[in-house]
C-alpha atoms as a PDB file:
ATOM      1  CA  UNK A   1       7.849 -49.463  18.649  1.00  0.00           C
ATOM      2  CA  UNK A   2      10.953 -50.266  16.782  1.00  0.00           C
ATOM      3  CA  UNK A   3      12.521 -48.838  13.248  1.00  0.00           C
ATOM      4  CA  UNK A   4      12.635 -51.051  10.547  1.00  0.00           C
ATOM      5  CA  UNK A   5      13.921 -50.697   7.023  1.00  0.00           C
ATOM      6  CA  UNK A   6      11.798 -52.108   4.158  1.00  0.00           C
ATOM      7  CA  UNK A   7      12.036 -51.724   0.626  1.00  0.00           C
ATOM      8  CA  UNK A   8      10.883 -48.633  -0.472  1.00  0.00           C
ATOM      9  CA  UNK A   9       8.230 -49.653  -3.270  1.00  0.00           C
ATOM     10  CA  UNK A  10       6.526 -51.783   0.278  1.00  0.00           C
ATOM     11  CA  UNK A  11       5.781 -47.848   1.570  1.00  0.00           C
ATOM     12  CA  UNK A  12       2.226 -46.831   0.062  1.00  0.00           C
ATOM     13  CA  UNK A  13       1.240 -43.190  -0.075  1.00  0.00           C
ATOM     14  CA  UNK A  14      -2.615 -42.014   1.068  1.00  0.00           C
ATOM     15  CA  UNK A  15      -4.040 -41.533  -1.476  1.00  0.00           C
ATOM     16  CA  UNK A  16      -6.421 -38.828   0.287  1.00  0.00           C
ATOM     17  CA  UNK A  17      -3.387 -37.196   1.604  1.00  0.00           C
ATOM     18  CA  UNK A  18      -5.200 -33.317   2.023  1.00  0.00           C
ATOM     19  CA  UNK A  19      -1.649 -31.604   2.458  1.00  0.00           C
ATOM     20  CA  UNK A  20      -0.383 -30.804  -1.103  1.00  0.00           C
ATOM     21  CA  UNK A  21       3.089 -30.699  -1.455  1.00  0.00           C
ATOM     22  CA  UNK A  22       5.890 -29.261  -3.416  1.00  0.00           C
ATOM     23  CA  UNK A  23       8.489 -29.768  -5.721  1.00  0.00           C
ATOM     24  CA  UNK A  24      10.479 -27.314  -3.984  1.00  0.00           C
ATOM     25  CA  UNK A  25       9.783 -28.809  -1.105  1.00  0.00           C
ATOM     26  CA  UNK A  26      10.235 -32.318  -1.794  1.00  0.00           C
ATOM     27  CA  UNK A  27      13.965 -30.976  -3.634  1.00  0.00           C
ATOM     28  CA  UNK A  28      14.786 -29.180  -0.158  1.00  0.00           C
ATOM     29  CA  UNK A  29      14.369 -32.663   2.056  1.00  0.00           C
ATOM     30  CA  UNK A  30      16.065 -34.520  -0.489  1.00  0.00           C
ATOM     31  CA  UNK A  31      19.155 -31.902  -0.087  1.00  0.00           C
ATOM     32  CA  UNK A  32      18.504 -32.334   3.724  1.00  0.00           C
ATOM     33  CA  UNK A  33      19.065 -36.168   3.546  1.00  0.00           C
ATOM     34  CA  UNK A  34      22.087 -35.843   1.050  1.00  0.00           C
ATOM     35  CA  UNK A  35      23.573 -33.381   3.548  1.00  0.00           C
ATOM     36  CA  UNK A  36      22.542 -35.288   6.632  1.00  0.00           C
ATOM     37  CA  UNK A  37      21.779 -38.092   6.074  1.00  0.00           C
ATOM     38  CA  UNK A  38      18.102 -39.903   6.113  1.00  0.00           C
ATOM     39  CA  UNK A  39      17.915 -39.999  10.266  1.00  0.00           C
ATOM     40  CA  UNK A  40      13.628 -39.633  10.558  1.00  0.00           C
ATOM     41  CA  UNK A  41      11.602 -42.447  10.082  1.00  0.00           C
ATOM     42  CA  UNK A  42       8.100 -42.408   8.114  1.00  0.00           C
ATOM     43  CA  UNK A  43       5.198 -43.385   9.644  1.00  0.00           C
ATOM     44  CA  UNK A  44       3.379 -46.315   8.608  1.00  0.00           C
ATOM     45  CA  UNK A  45       0.451 -48.082   9.570  1.00  0.00           C
ATOM     46  CA  UNK A  46       0.030 -51.805   9.600  1.00  0.00           C
ATOM     47  CA  UNK A  47      -0.781 -52.519   5.684  1.00  0.00           C
ATOM     48  CA  UNK A  48       2.192 -50.094   5.393  1.00  0.00           C
ATOM     49  CA  UNK A  49       0.457 -46.814   4.301  1.00  0.00           C
ATOM     50  CA  UNK A  50       1.642 -43.275   5.202  1.00  0.00           C
ATOM     51  CA  UNK A  51       0.594 -41.424   8.080  1.00  0.00           C
ATOM     52  CA  UNK A  52       3.342 -39.389   8.435  1.00  0.00           C
ATOM     53  CA  UNK A  53       6.118 -38.729   6.012  1.00  0.00           C
ATOM     54  CA  UNK A  54       5.212 -38.338   2.389  1.00  0.00           C
ATOM     55  CA  UNK A  55       7.737 -35.479   1.662  1.00  0.00           C
ATOM     56  CA  UNK A  56      10.375 -38.076   2.987  1.00  0.00           C
ATOM     57  CA  UNK A  57       9.285 -40.525   0.809  1.00  0.00           C
ATOM     58  CA  UNK A  58       8.952 -38.563  -2.158  1.00  0.00           C
ATOM     59  CA  UNK A  59      12.374 -37.465  -1.711  1.00  0.00           C
ATOM     60  CA  UNK A  60      14.020 -40.252  -1.101  1.00  0.00           C
ATOM     61  CA  UNK A  61      12.010 -41.833  -4.720  1.00  0.00           C
ATOM     62  CA  UNK A  62      14.165 -38.748  -6.595  1.00  0.00           C
ATOM     63  CA  UNK A  63      17.629 -39.311  -4.989  1.00  0.00           C
ATOM     64  CA  UNK A  64      16.871 -42.955  -6.218  1.00  0.00           C
ATOM     65  CA  UNK A  65      17.165 -44.813  -2.700  1.00  0.00           C
ATOM     66  CA  UNK A  66      15.599 -48.400  -2.157  1.00  0.00           C
ATOM     67  CA  UNK A  67      15.046 -48.379   0.975  1.00  0.00           C
ATOM     68  CA  UNK A  68      13.648 -46.258   3.615  1.00  0.00           C
ATOM     69  CA  UNK A  69      12.966 -46.303   7.591  1.00  0.00           C
ATOM     70  CA  UNK A  70       9.565 -46.817   9.145  1.00  0.00           C
ATOM     71  CA  UNK A  71       7.476 -47.338  11.842  1.00  0.00           C
ATOM     72  CA  UNK A  72       4.505 -49.154  12.282  1.00  0.00           C
ATOM     73  CA  UNK A  73       1.750 -48.689  14.320  1.00  0.00           C
ATOM     74  CA  UNK A  74      -1.204 -50.115  14.543  1.00  0.00           C
ATOM     75  CA  UNK A  75      -3.616 -47.122  13.946  1.00  0.00           C
ATOM     76  CA  UNK A  76      -7.257 -47.066  13.677  1.00  0.00           C
ATOM     77  CA  UNK A  77      -8.849 -45.446  10.359  1.00  0.00           C
ATOM     78  CA  UNK A  78     -10.067 -42.331  12.304  1.00  0.00           C
ATOM     79  CA  UNK A  79      -6.797 -41.987  14.292  1.00  0.00           C
ATOM     80  CA  UNK A  80      -5.013 -42.453  11.174  1.00  0.00           C
ATOM     81  CA  UNK A  81      -6.213 -39.570   9.528  1.00  0.00           C
ATOM     82  CA  UNK A  82      -6.582 -37.256  12.689  1.00  0.00           C
ATOM     83  CA  UNK A  83      -2.920 -37.528  13.100  1.00  0.00           C
ATOM     84  CA  UNK A  84      -2.153 -37.266   9.826  1.00  0.00           C
ATOM     85  CA  UNK A  85      -3.752 -33.580   9.774  1.00  0.00           C
ATOM     86  CA  UNK A  86      -2.363 -33.008  12.982  1.00  0.00           C
ATOM     87  CA  UNK A  87       0.746 -32.951  12.227  1.00  0.00           C
ATOM     88  CA  UNK A  88       0.241 -30.868   8.499  1.00  0.00           C
ATOM     89  CA  UNK A  89      -1.211 -28.650  10.818  1.00  0.00           C
ATOM     90  CA  UNK A  90       0.350 -28.162  13.910  1.00  0.00           C
ATOM     91  CA  UNK A  91       3.498 -26.688  11.727  1.00  0.00           C
ATOM     92  CA  UNK A  92       1.256 -23.586  10.694  1.00  0.00           C
ATOM     93  CA  UNK A  93       0.594 -22.066  14.176  1.00  0.00           C
ATOM     94  CA  UNK A  94       4.404 -21.694  14.851  1.00  0.00           C
ATOM     95  CA  UNK A  95       6.340 -19.255  13.934  1.00  0.00           C
ATOM     96  CA  UNK A  96       9.705 -17.979  13.870  1.00  0.00           C
ATOM     97  CA  UNK A  97      11.607 -15.923  16.362  1.00  0.00           C
ATOM     98  CA  UNK A  98      13.368 -13.905  14.544  1.00  0.00           C
ATOM     99  CA  UNK A  99      15.954 -12.235  16.449  1.00  0.00           C
ATOM    100  CA  UNK A 100      17.448 -15.772  17.460  1.00  0.00           C
ATOM    101  CA  UNK A 101      17.108 -17.299  13.924  1.00  0.00           C
ATOM    102  CA  UNK A 102      18.910 -14.502  12.772  1.00  0.00           C
ATOM    103  CA  UNK A 103      21.842 -15.414  14.854  1.00  0.00           C
ATOM    104  CA  UNK A 104      21.573 -18.696  13.459  1.00  0.00           C
ATOM    105  CA  UNK A 105      21.534 -18.130   9.816  1.00  0.00           C
ATOM    106  CA  UNK A 106      24.328 -15.445  10.263  1.00  0.00           C
ATOM    107  CA  UNK A 107      26.471 -18.162  12.327  1.00  0.00           C
ATOM    108  CA  UNK A 108      26.035 -19.955   9.439  1.00  0.00           C
ATOM    109  CA  UNK A 109      27.018 -18.073   6.887  1.00  0.00           C
ATOM    110  CA  UNK A 110      30.405 -16.578   9.151  1.00  0.00           C
ATOM    111  CA  UNK A 111      30.639 -20.793   8.668  1.00  0.00           C
ATOM    112  CA  UNK A 112      30.630 -20.431   4.852  1.00  0.00           C
ATOM    113  CA  UNK A 113      28.080 -22.797   4.899  1.00  0.00           C
ATOM    114  CA  UNK A 114      25.425 -23.680   2.482  1.00  0.00           C
ATOM    115  CA  UNK A 115      22.100 -21.298   4.072  1.00  0.00           C
ATOM    116  CA  UNK A 116      19.722 -23.841   1.157  1.00  0.00           C
ATOM    117  CA  UNK A 117      20.406 -26.637   3.028  1.00  0.00           C
ATOM    118  CA  UNK A 118      18.187 -24.724   6.200  1.00  0.00           C
ATOM    119  CA  UNK A 119      15.432 -24.564   3.784  1.00  0.00           C
ATOM    120  CA  UNK A 120      15.844 -21.307   2.881  1.00  0.00           C
ATOM    121  CA  UNK A 121      17.825 -19.240   0.932  1.00  0.00           C
ATOM    122  CA  UNK A 122      19.910 -16.294   0.578  1.00  0.00           C
ATOM    123  CA  UNK A 123      16.687 -14.246  -0.753  1.00  0.00           C
ATOM    124  CA  UNK A 124      14.635 -14.404   1.950  1.00  0.00           C
ATOM    125  CA  UNK A 125      17.381 -12.849   4.081  1.00  0.00           C
ATOM    126  CA  UNK A 126      18.497 -10.295   1.494  1.00  0.00           C
ATOM    127  CA  UNK A 127      15.722  -7.888   3.364  1.00  0.00           C
ATOM    128  CA  UNK A 128      15.005  -8.451   7.344  1.00  0.00           C
ATOM    129  CA  UNK A 129      12.727 -12.115   8.215  1.00  0.00           C
ATOM    130  CA  UNK A 130       9.503 -10.980   9.644  1.00  0.00           C
ATOM    131  CA  UNK A 131       7.272 -12.527  11.322  1.00  0.00           C
ATOM    132  CA  UNK A 132       3.248 -12.934  10.336  1.00  0.00           C
ATOM    133  CA  UNK A 133       1.079 -10.513  10.316  1.00  0.00           C
ATOM    134  CA  UNK A 134      -0.587  -9.309  13.698  1.00  0.00           C
ATOM    135  CA  UNK A 135      -2.555  -6.950  15.122  1.00  0.00           C
ATOM    136  CA  UNK A 136      -1.198  -4.329  17.377  1.00  0.00           C
ATOM    137  CA  UNK A 137      -2.899  -1.665  19.924  1.00  0.00           C
ATOM    138  CA  UNK A 138      -2.447   1.745  17.951  1.00  0.00           C
ATOM    139  CA  UNK A 139      -1.115   2.882  21.738  1.00  0.00           C
ATOM    140  CA  UNK A 140       1.575   0.122  21.184  1.00  0.00           C
ATOM    141  CA  UNK A 141       2.897   2.061  18.258  1.00  0.00           C
ATOM    142  CA  UNK A 142       5.524   5.350  17.793  1.00  0.00           C
ATOM    143  CA  UNK A 143       5.651   8.057  14.682  1.00  0.00           C
ATOM    144  CA  UNK A 144       9.207   7.229  14.064  1.00  0.00           C
ATOM    145  CA  UNK A 145      10.588  10.655  15.096  1.00  0.00           C
ATOM    146  CA  UNK A 146      12.989  11.513  11.631  1.00  0.00           C
ATOM    147  CA  UNK A 147       9.245  10.785   9.861  1.00  0.00           C
ATOM    148  CA  UNK A 148       9.287  14.405   7.216  1.00  0.00           C
ATOM    149  CA  UNK A 149       5.961  13.420   5.602  1.00  0.00           C
ATOM    150  CA  UNK A 150       2.940  15.100   7.181  1.00  0.00           C
ATOM    151  CA  UNK A 151      -0.713  14.277   6.896  1.00  0.00           C
ATOM    152  CA  UNK A 152      -2.945  17.429   6.428  1.00  0.00           C
ATOM    153  CA  UNK A 153      -6.880  16.850   7.292  1.00  0.00           C
ATOM    154  CA  UNK A 154      -8.187  16.593   4.114  1.00  0.00           C
ATOM    155  CA  UNK A 155      -5.651  14.053   3.199  1.00  0.00           C
ATOM    156  CA  UNK A 156      -6.906  12.226   6.770  1.00  0.00           C
ATOM    157  CA  UNK A 157     -10.439  12.789   5.782  1.00  0.00           C
ATOM    158  CA  UNK A 158     -10.051  10.860   2.747  1.00  0.00           C
ATOM    159  CA  UNK A 159      -7.998   7.601   4.344  1.00  0.00           C
ATOM    160  CA  UNK A 160     -10.567   7.656   6.945  1.00  0.00           C
ATOM    161  CA  UNK A 161     -13.786   7.205   4.293  1.00  0.00           C
ATOM    162  CA  UNK A 162     -11.712   4.919   2.672  1.00  0.00           C
ATOM    163  CA  UNK A 163     -11.082   2.957   5.545  1.00  0.00           C
ATOM    164  CA  UNK A 164     -14.979   2.855   6.478  1.00  0.00           C
ATOM    165  CA  UNK A 165     -15.687   1.233   3.336  1.00  0.00           C
ATOM    166  CA  UNK A 166     -12.979  -0.997   2.613  1.00  0.00           C
ATOM    167  CA  UNK A 167     -11.797  -1.799   6.210  1.00  0.00           C
ATOM    168  CA  UNK A 168      -7.542  -0.999   6.160  1.00  0.00           C
ATOM    169  CA  UNK A 169      -6.059  -3.117   3.744  1.00  0.00           C
ATOM    170  CA  UNK A 170      -2.835  -1.892   4.093  1.00  0.00           C
ATOM    171  CA  UNK A 171      -0.491  -3.108   6.677  1.00  0.00           C
ATOM    172  CA  UNK A 172       1.909  -1.330   9.013  1.00  0.00           C
ATOM    173  CA  UNK A 173       5.154  -1.562   8.720  1.00  0.00           C
ATOM    174  CA  UNK A 174       6.966  -1.449  12.324  1.00  0.00           C
ATOM    175  CA  UNK A 175      10.497  -1.674  13.489  1.00  0.00           C
ATOM    176  CA  UNK A 176      11.614  -4.162  15.972  1.00  0.00           C
ATOM    177  CA  UNK A 177      11.073  -1.397  19.036  1.00  0.00           C
ATOM    178  CA  UNK A 178       7.404  -0.540  18.013  1.00  0.00           C
ATOM    179  CA  UNK A 179       8.130   2.717  15.207  1.00  0.00           C
ATOM    180  CA  UNK A 180       6.430   2.934  12.405  1.00  0.00           C
ATOM    181  CA  UNK A 181       8.215   2.907   8.918  1.00  0.00           C
ATOM    182  CA  UNK A 182       5.036   2.543   6.861  1.00  0.00           C
ATOM    183  CA  UNK A 183       1.724   3.394   7.123  1.00  0.00           C
ATOM    184  CA  UNK A 184       1.700   6.996   9.230  1.00  0.00           C
ATOM    185  CA  UNK A 185      -1.049   8.375   7.809  1.00  0.00           C
ATOM    186  CA  UNK A 186      -3.328   5.280   8.343  1.00  0.00           C
ATOM    187  CA  UNK A 187      -2.590   5.311  11.590  1.00  0.00           C
ATOM    188  CA  UNK A 188      -3.616   8.675  12.432  1.00  0.00           C
ATOM    189  CA  UNK A 189      -6.839   8.064  10.535  1.00  0.00           C
ATOM    190  CA  UNK A 190      -7.494   4.906  12.240  1.00  0.00           C
ATOM    191  CA  UNK A 191      -6.800   7.244  15.495  1.00  0.00           C
ATOM    192  CA  UNK A 192      -9.803   9.385  14.959  1.00  0.00           C
ATOM    193  CA  UNK A 193     -12.207   6.929  13.773  1.00  0.00           C
ATOM    194  CA  UNK A 194     -11.235   5.306  17.561  1.00  0.00           C
ATOM    195  CA  UNK A 195      -9.860   1.929  16.360  1.00  0.00           C
ATOM    196  CA  UNK A 196      -8.018   0.449  18.876  1.00  0.00           C
ATOM    197  CA  UNK A 197      -5.598  -2.266  17.259  1.00  0.00           C
ATOM    198  CA  UNK A 198      -4.357  -2.231  13.104  1.00  0.00           C
ATOM    199  CA  UNK A 199      -2.485  -4.754  10.753  1.00  0.00           C
ATOM    200  CA  UNK A 200       1.466  -4.798  11.277  1.00  0.00           C
ATOM    201  CA  UNK A 201       4.466  -6.632   9.601  1.00  0.00           C
ATOM    202  CA  UNK A 202       7.371  -6.150  12.295  1.00  0.00           C
ATOM    203  CA  UNK A 203      10.526  -6.161  10.969  1.00  0.00           C
ATOM    204  CA  UNK A 204      13.793  -7.480  12.938  1.00  0.00           C
ATOM    205  CA  UNK A 205      15.590  -3.949  12.705  1.00  0.00           C
ATOM    206  CA  UNK A 206      15.834  -0.874  14.868  1.00  0.00           C
ATOM    207  CA  UNK A 207      13.844   2.183  14.147  1.00  0.00           C
ATOM    208  CA  UNK A 208      17.343   3.651  13.632  1.00  0.00           C
ATOM    209  CA  UNK A 209      19.247   1.273  11.114  1.00  0.00           C
ATOM    210  CA  UNK A 210      19.716   2.867   7.703  1.00  0.00           C
ATOM    211  CA  UNK A 211      17.584  -0.214   6.311  1.00  0.00           C
ATOM    212  CA  UNK A 212      15.057   1.457   8.460  1.00  0.00           C
ATOM    213  CA  UNK A 213      15.479   4.991   6.987  1.00  0.00           C
ATOM    214  CA  UNK A 214      15.629   3.648   3.565  1.00  0.00           C
ATOM    215  CA  UNK A 215      12.315   1.925   4.209  1.00  0.00           C
ATOM    216  CA  UNK A 216      11.015   5.444   5.539  1.00  0.00           C
ATOM    217  CA  UNK A 217      12.352   7.247   2.802  1.00  0.00           C
ATOM    218  CA  UNK A 218      11.401   4.582   0.447  1.00  0.00           C
ATOM    219  CA  UNK A 219       7.637   4.577   1.890  1.00  0.00           C
ATOM    220  CA  UNK A 220       6.892   8.520   1.166  1.00  0.00           C
ATOM    221  CA  UNK A 221       8.788   8.876  -2.381  1.00  0.00           C
ATOM    222  CA  UNK A 222       8.938   5.937  -4.268  1.00  0.00           C
ATOM    223  CA  UNK A 223       5.045   6.439  -5.604  1.00  0.00           C
ATOM    224  CA  UNK A 224       6.816   9.607  -7.249  1.00  0.00           C
ATOM    225  CA  UNK A 225       8.858   7.616  -9.769  1.00  0.00           C
ATOM    226  CA  UNK A 226       5.368   6.565 -11.249  1.00  0.00           C
ATOM    227  CA  UNK A 227       3.658   7.648 -14.645  1.00  0.00           C
ATOM    228  CA  UNK A 228       0.154   8.481 -14.407  1.00  0.00           C
ATOM    229  CA  UNK A 229      -1.986   8.633 -17.553  1.00  0.00           C
ATOM    230  CA  UNK A 230      -3.902  11.847 -16.075  1.00  0.00           C
ATOM    231  CA  UNK A 231      -6.712  11.122 -18.886  1.00  0.00           C
ATOM    232  CA  UNK A 232      -7.696   7.810 -18.144  1.00  0.00           C
ATOM    233  CA  UNK A 233      -7.615   8.912 -14.041  1.00  0.00           C
ATOM    234  CA  UNK A 234     -10.034  11.500 -14.787  1.00  0.00           C
ATOM    235  CA  UNK A 235     -11.843   8.819 -17.287  1.00  0.00           C
ATOM    236  CA  UNK A 236     -12.037   6.221 -13.950  1.00  0.00           C
ATOM    237  CA  UNK A 237     -12.613   9.425 -11.153  1.00  0.00           C
ATOM    238  CA  UNK A 238     -15.839  10.713 -13.392  1.00  0.00           C
ATOM    239  CA  UNK A 239     -17.346   6.915 -13.486  1.00  0.00           C
ATOM    240  CA  UNK A 240     -16.218   7.074  -9.279  1.00  0.00           C
ATOM    241  CA  UNK A 241     -18.337  10.548  -9.413  1.00  0.00           C
ATOM    242  CA  UNK A 242     -21.241   9.369 -10.942  1.00  0.00           C
ATOM    243  CA  UNK A 243     -22.122   7.020  -9.213  1.00  0.00           C
ATOM    244  CA  UNK A 244     -20.283   7.324  -5.472  1.00  0.00           C
ATOM    245  CA  UNK A 245     -18.358  10.478  -4.018  1.00  0.00           C
ATOM    246  CA  UNK A 246     -14.856  11.327  -4.927  1.00  0.00           C
ATOM    247  CA  UNK A 247     -13.995  11.512  -0.868  1.00  0.00           C
ATOM    248  CA  UNK A 248     -11.411   8.205  -0.504  1.00  0.00           C
ATOM    249  CA  UNK A 249      -9.665   8.619  -3.945  1.00  0.00           C
ATOM    250  CA  UNK A 250      -7.829  11.828  -2.847  1.00  0.00           C
ATOM    251  CA  UNK A 251      -9.291  13.761  -4.861  1.00  0.00           C
ATOM    252  CA  UNK A 252     -12.223  16.505  -4.949  1.00  0.00           C
ATOM    253  CA  UNK A 253     -14.981  17.502  -7.667  1.00  0.00           C
ATOM    254  CA  UNK A 254     -12.368  20.955  -8.334  1.00  0.00           C
ATOM    255  CA  UNK A 255      -9.374  18.543  -8.421  1.00  0.00           C
ATOM    256  CA  UNK A 256     -10.897  16.395 -10.986  1.00  0.00           C
ATOM    257  CA  UNK A 257     -12.549  19.467 -13.004  1.00  0.00           C
ATOM    258  CA  UNK A 258      -9.015  20.884 -13.624  1.00  0.00           C
ATOM    259  CA  UNK A 259      -7.470  17.424 -14.494  1.00  0.00           C
ATOM    260  CA  UNK A 260     -10.268  17.181 -17.193  1.00  0.00           C
ATOM    261  CA  UNK A 261      -9.613  20.540 -18.742  1.00  0.00           C
ATOM    262  CA  UNK A 262      -5.530  19.723 -18.836  1.00  0.00           C
ATOM    263  CA  UNK A 263      -6.448  16.326 -20.453  1.00  0.00           C
ATOM    264  CA  UNK A 264      -8.623  17.264 -23.074  1.00  0.00           C
ATOM    265  CA  UNK A 265      -8.250  19.535 -26.753  1.00  0.00           C
ATOM    266  CA  UNK A 266     -10.244  22.286 -27.154  1.00  0.00           C
ATOM    267  CA  UNK A 267     -12.674  20.880 -29.231  1.00  0.00           C
ATOM    268  CA  UNK A 268     -13.909  18.944 -26.583  1.00  0.00           C
ATOM    269  CA  UNK A 269     -13.161  21.222 -23.441  1.00  0.00           C
ATOM    270  CA  UNK A 270     -12.598  24.473 -24.622  1.00  0.00           C
ATOM    271  CA  UNK A 271     -12.634  26.298 -20.881  1.00  0.00           C
ATOM    272  CA  UNK A 272     -12.520  25.929 -17.235  1.00  0.00           C
ATOM    273  CA  UNK A 273     -16.031  26.605 -16.658  1.00  0.00           C
ATOM    274  CA  UNK A 274     -16.839  23.924 -19.409  1.00  0.00           C
ATOM    275  CA  UNK A 275     -14.516  21.557 -17.284  1.00  0.00           C
ATOM    276  CA  UNK A 276     -16.340  21.893 -14.022  1.00  0.00           C
ATOM    277  CA  UNK A 277     -19.627  21.882 -15.494  1.00  0.00           C
ATOM    278  CA  UNK A 278     -18.551  18.330 -17.450  1.00  0.00           C
ATOM    279  CA  UNK A 279     -17.764  17.192 -13.687  1.00  0.00           C
ATOM    280  CA  UNK A 280     -21.394  18.158 -12.038  1.00  0.00           C
ATOM    281  CA  UNK A 281     -19.783  21.198 -10.101  1.00  0.00           C
ATOM    282  CA  UNK A 282     -23.155  23.896 -10.337  1.00  0.00           C
ATOM    283  CA  UNK A 283     -23.062  26.464 -13.279  1.00  0.00           C
ATOM    284  CA  UNK A 284     -21.093  29.206 -13.466  1.00  0.00           C
ATOM    285  CA  UNK A 285     -22.344  32.473 -15.457  1.00  0.00           C
ATOM    286  CA  UNK A 286     -20.078  32.842 -17.940  1.00  0.00           C
ATOM    287  CA  UNK A 287     -18.388  35.907 -17.745  1.00  0.00           C
ATOM    288  CA  UNK A 288     -18.138  38.585 -20.503  1.00  0.00           C
ATOM    289  CA  UNK A 289     -15.195  41.043 -21.097  1.00  0.00           C
ATOM    290  CA  UNK A 290     -16.815  44.615 -20.965  1.00  0.00           C
ATOM    291  CA  UNK A 291     -16.291  47.352 -23.369  1.00  0.00           C
ATOM    292  CA  UNK A 292     -13.523  49.144 -22.128  1.00  0.00           C
ATOM    293  CA  UNK A 293     -11.861  52.495 -23.297  1.00  0.00           C
ATOM    294  CA  UNK A 294      -9.041  54.407 -21.598  1.00  0.00           C
ATOM    295  CA  UNK A 295      -8.974  58.124 -21.235  1.00  0.00           C
ATOM    296  CA  UNK A 296      -5.957  60.287 -20.894  1.00  0.00           C
ATOM    297  CA  UNK A 297      -6.653  64.274 -19.505  1.00  0.00           C
ATOM    298  CA  UNK A 298      -3.728  66.488 -19.343  1.00  0.00           C
ATOM    299  CA  UNK A 299      -4.334  67.608 -15.843  1.00  0.00           C
ATOM    300  CA  UNK A 300      -6.647  67.214 -13.275  1.00  0.00           C
ATOM    301  CA  UNK A 301      -9.006  70.176 -14.352  1.00  0.00           C
ATOM    302  CA  UNK A 302      -9.674  68.057 -17.551  1.00  0.00           C
ATOM    303  CA  UNK A 303     -10.179  65.393 -15.823  1.00  0.00           C
ATOM    304  CA  UNK A 304     -12.552  66.503 -13.326  1.00  0.00           C
ATOM    305  CA  UNK A 305     -14.877  68.400 -16.029  1.00  0.00           C
ATOM    306  CA  UNK A 306     -15.319  64.832 -17.700  1.00  0.00           C
ATOM    307  CA  UNK A 307     -16.539  63.829 -14.604  1.00  0.00           C
ATOM    308  CA  UNK A 308     -19.077  66.945 -14.218  1.00  0.00           C
ATOM    309  CA  UNK A 309     -20.472  65.994 -18.160  1.00  0.00           C
ATOM    310  CA  UNK A 310     -21.091  62.178 -17.385  1.00  0.00           C
ATOM    311  CA  UNK A 311     -22.771  63.067 -14.320  1.00  0.00           C
ATOM    312  CA  UNK A 312     -20.346  60.624 -11.556  1.00  0.00           C
ATOM    313  CA  UNK A 313     -18.179  61.209  -8.422  1.00  0.00           C
ATOM    314  CA  UNK A 314     -14.569  61.171  -9.005  1.00  0.00           C
ATOM    315  CA  UNK A 315     -12.617  61.047  -5.538  1.00  0.00           C
ATOM    316  CA  UNK A 316      -8.492  60.953  -5.603  1.00  0.00           C
ATOM    317  CA  UNK A 317      -8.460  57.271  -5.312  1.00  0.00           C
ATOM    318  CA  UNK A 318     -10.457  56.022  -8.302  1.00  0.00           C
ATOM    319  CA  UNK A 319      -9.267  54.582 -10.438  1.00  0.00           C
ATOM    320  CA  UNK A 320     -11.944  53.162 -12.805  1.00  0.00           C
ATOM    321  CA  UNK A 321     -15.881  53.468 -13.207  1.00  0.00           C
ATOM    322  CA  UNK A 322     -18.971  51.799 -15.106  1.00  0.00           C
ATOM    323  CA  UNK A 323     -20.478  54.312 -17.507  1.00  0.00           C
ATOM    324  CA  UNK A 324     -23.370  54.074 -16.494  1.00  0.00           C
ATOM    325  CA  UNK A 325     -22.023  54.427 -13.423  1.00  0.00           C
ATOM    326  CA  UNK A 326     -22.303  51.898 -10.841  1.00  0.00           C
ATOM    327  CA  UNK A 327     -22.453  52.795  -6.791  1.00  0.00           C
ATOM    328  CA  UNK A 328     -19.594  50.829  -4.883  1.00  0.00           C
ATOM    329  CA  UNK A 329     -18.036  49.362  -7.781  1.00  0.00           C
ATOM    330  CA  UNK A 330     -14.351  49.307  -8.783  1.00  0.00           C
ATOM    331  CA  UNK A 331     -14.389  47.042 -11.698  1.00  0.00           C
ATOM    332  CA  UNK A 332     -12.528  48.663 -14.947  1.00  0.00           C
ATOM    333  CA  UNK A 333     -13.969  49.846 -17.579  1.00  0.00           C
ATOM    334  CA  UNK A 334     -12.857  53.388 -17.916  1.00  0.00           C
ATOM    335  CA  UNK A 335      -9.647  54.163 -16.702  1.00  0.00           C
ATOM    336  CA  UNK A 336      -8.197  57.738 -16.223  1.00  0.00           C
ATOM    337  CA  UNK A 337      -4.573  58.245 -15.997  1.00  0.00           C
ATOM    338  CA  UNK A 338      -2.854  61.253 -15.648  1.00  0.00           C
ATOM    339  CA  UNK A 339       0.445  61.899 -17.940  1.00  0.00           C
ATOM    340  CA  UNK A 340       2.312  65.070 -18.264  1.00  0.00           C
END
């Protein structure tokens, strides 16, 4: 094989190229060519149809180049298709070694080099560069020693039910030394379910790095800043309750009834009992305030005489009684007070 330089218009893009090429990719390759030169030939078949190099060809066209380097090879139709797909696919199976990548980027930054020429932007490095989401053994993950948030049993039961119904839809964020930065509750729930693995995203920072501590705190606290329309929340919860249980939402029926009571005017819900009935809790017999009268006596003799006339028994500890008299009942109906 030999490298040839040909008129760029003689090169023909493959009409069925299955890989979409973004304008951002074309521009980044064009910037690379401007900085470092055109050092990579385009691979074509005997008819000058591109097998590998569509992005580079488009970048050269964008730069207004009239010539391009090619390597021409006698591909069969199927070989060309397979090679084209393999070349595009192979890069998807690679991942960055983030420690080494960050070292290289730091070296470029120290030399005031334009980071964008690497295909990355500085925006990519405002947070630690991350690997892909990978499944890790729960036994390898360690609770962060500075995590101050505890997860009581009732919260874990909601998480467990949610995981059972929906799977693990939240990725666990961990440090490079496998300490949990976000997702302690999810990991605890998974342990109770006897799950062995969880999806994780590992940041290239040590667990004691200040960024790790900020992330740990943010995961616990930032949600507090959100504003909740409690009436709309209660409507959603009621819709769920009509068709399912509230387990997994973080609410139960009593919490919902309280939410309904405080978010509705009196002409809609006039009491907590009404809210509980609306939610569907067992009906409560509404209490009726008993008629009360306070009787005062000048001395104990008068108090005892009054008791005799009513036919009731009083002791030194009696503070209130029912009339007619109820045995062993201490609900206030008549109250006796001594006044000097």
